[in-house]
Amino acid sequence: TRFQQLRQYKLEHGDCLISARYSKNPQLGHWVMTQRRQLNLRKKGKRSSLTEERIRLLDSIGFVWIIREEFSAAWNQRYKELAEYKEKYNDC
């Protein structure tokens, strides 16, 4: 199942930050995008195939629902580390 593929991805990569355009497994990327879209529909009170049980399962493995925020936070953290390094060693 796609959920099992997602769990395997997490074992290999340590996270669930899969892009909708995941080139190594486009079907998994599409499925992940669909889960995020279904959660958005559910939050808006619209019809959604995403059940509470599926949400719990995805949450249990650290599924990232809003990927842009995760990448943005990671980028900001790395930038801060780079600035600290430059300050300390006067080099990048």
Protein backbone atom coordinates (compact mmCIF):
# COMPACT_ATOMS: atom_id res chain seq x y z
CA THR A 1 0.00 0.00 0.00
CA ARG A 2 1.02 3.64 -0.32
CA PHE A 3 1.04 3.95 3.46
CA GLN A 4 3.59 1.14 3.65
CA GLN A 5 5.66 2.87 0.97
CA LEU A 6 5.52 6.05 3.05
CA ARG A 7 6.68 4.16 6.15
CA GLN A 8 9.56 2.69 4.14
CA TYR A 9 10.49 6.17 2.89
CA LYS A 10 10.60 7.38 6.49
CA LEU A 11 12.85 4.48 7.50
CA GLU A 12 15.24 5.34 4.67
CA HIS A 13 15.16 9.15 4.93
CA GLY A 14 14.17 9.84 8.54
CA ASP A 15 11.21 12.05 7.65
CA CYS A 16 7.94 12.19 5.70
CA LEU A 17 8.80 15.28 3.66
CA ILE A 18 7.71 13.93 0.31
CA SER A 19 6.98 16.36 -2.48
CA ALA A 20 4.04 15.85 -4.80
CA ARG A 21 6.68 15.64 -7.55
CA TYR A 22 8.73 12.87 -5.93
CA SER A 23 10.57 11.53 -8.97
CA LYS A 24 11.64 8.16 -7.51
CA ASN A 25 8.01 7.17 -6.92
CA PRO A 26 5.55 9.53 -8.65
CA GLN A 27 2.57 7.48 -7.45
CA LEU A 28 3.62 7.97 -3.83
CA GLY A 29 4.11 11.69 -4.44
CA HIS A 30 0.62 11.93 -5.91
CA TRP A 31 -0.88 9.94 -3.02
CA VAL A 32 0.82 12.20 -0.47
CA MET A 33 -0.53 15.28 -2.26
CA THR A 34 -4.01 13.73 -2.22
CA GLN A 35 -3.84 13.13 1.55
CA ARG A 36 -2.93 16.79 2.11
CA ARG A 37 -5.74 17.94 -0.19
CA GLN A 38 -8.24 15.67 1.55
CA LEU A 39 -7.29 17.12 4.95
CA ASN A 40 -7.83 20.64 3.61
CA LEU A 41 -11.28 19.66 2.33
CA ARG A 42 -12.12 18.10 5.68
CA LYS A 43 -11.03 21.23 7.56
CA LYS A 44 -13.34 23.29 5.34
CA GLY A 45 -16.26 21.02 6.18
CA LYS A 46 -16.37 19.57 2.68
CA ARG A 47 -16.66 15.94 1.68
CA SER A 48 -13.38 14.09 2.18
CA SER A 49 -12.25 10.48 2.01
CA LEU A 50 -9.76 11.09 4.82
CA THR A 51 -11.03 9.48 8.03
CA GLU A 52 -9.94 10.18 11.60
CA GLU A 53 -8.25 6.77 11.62
CA ARG A 54 -6.20 7.62 8.52
CA ILE A 55 -5.22 10.96 10.04
CA ARG A 56 -4.08 9.17 13.22
CA LEU A 57 -2.08 6.64 11.19
CA LEU A 58 -0.34 9.35 9.19
CA ASP A 59 0.29 11.46 12.30
CA SER A 60 1.75 8.40 14.06
CA ILE A 61 4.64 8.26 11.58
CA GLY A 62 5.24 12.00 11.49
CA PHE A 63 3.44 12.81 8.23
CA VAL A 64 3.98 16.44 7.24
CA TRP A 65 0.65 18.00 6.34
CA ILE A 66 1.93 21.44 5.32
CA ILE A 67 5.20 20.87 3.49
CA ARG A 68 6.02 24.48 2.60
CA GLU A 69 6.21 25.46 6.26
CA GLU A 70 8.55 22.55 7.00
CA PHE A 71 10.93 23.41 4.17
CA SER A 72 10.82 27.08 5.08
CA ALA A 73 11.65 26.35 8.72
CA ALA A 74 14.50 24.03 7.71
CA TRP A 75 15.90 26.63 5.29
CA ASN A 76 15.77 29.35 7.94
CA GLN A 77 17.55 27.11 10.45
CA ARG A 78 20.33 26.27 8.00
CA TYR A 79 20.73 29.94 7.08
CA LYS A 80 21.09 30.81 10.77
CA GLU A 81 23.74 28.10 11.16
CA LEU A 82 25.62 29.40 8.12
CA ALA A 83 25.56 32.97 9.47
CA GLU A 84 26.90 31.75 12.82
CA TYR A 85 29.64 29.81 11.06
CA LYS A 86 30.60 32.86 8.99
CA GLU A 87 30.69 35.01 12.13
CA LYS A 88 32.91 32.51 13.92
CA TYR A 89 35.29 31.59 11.07
CA ASN A 90 34.91 34.60 8.75
CA ASP A 91 34.38 32.15 5.89
CA CYS A 92 31.58 30.30 4.13
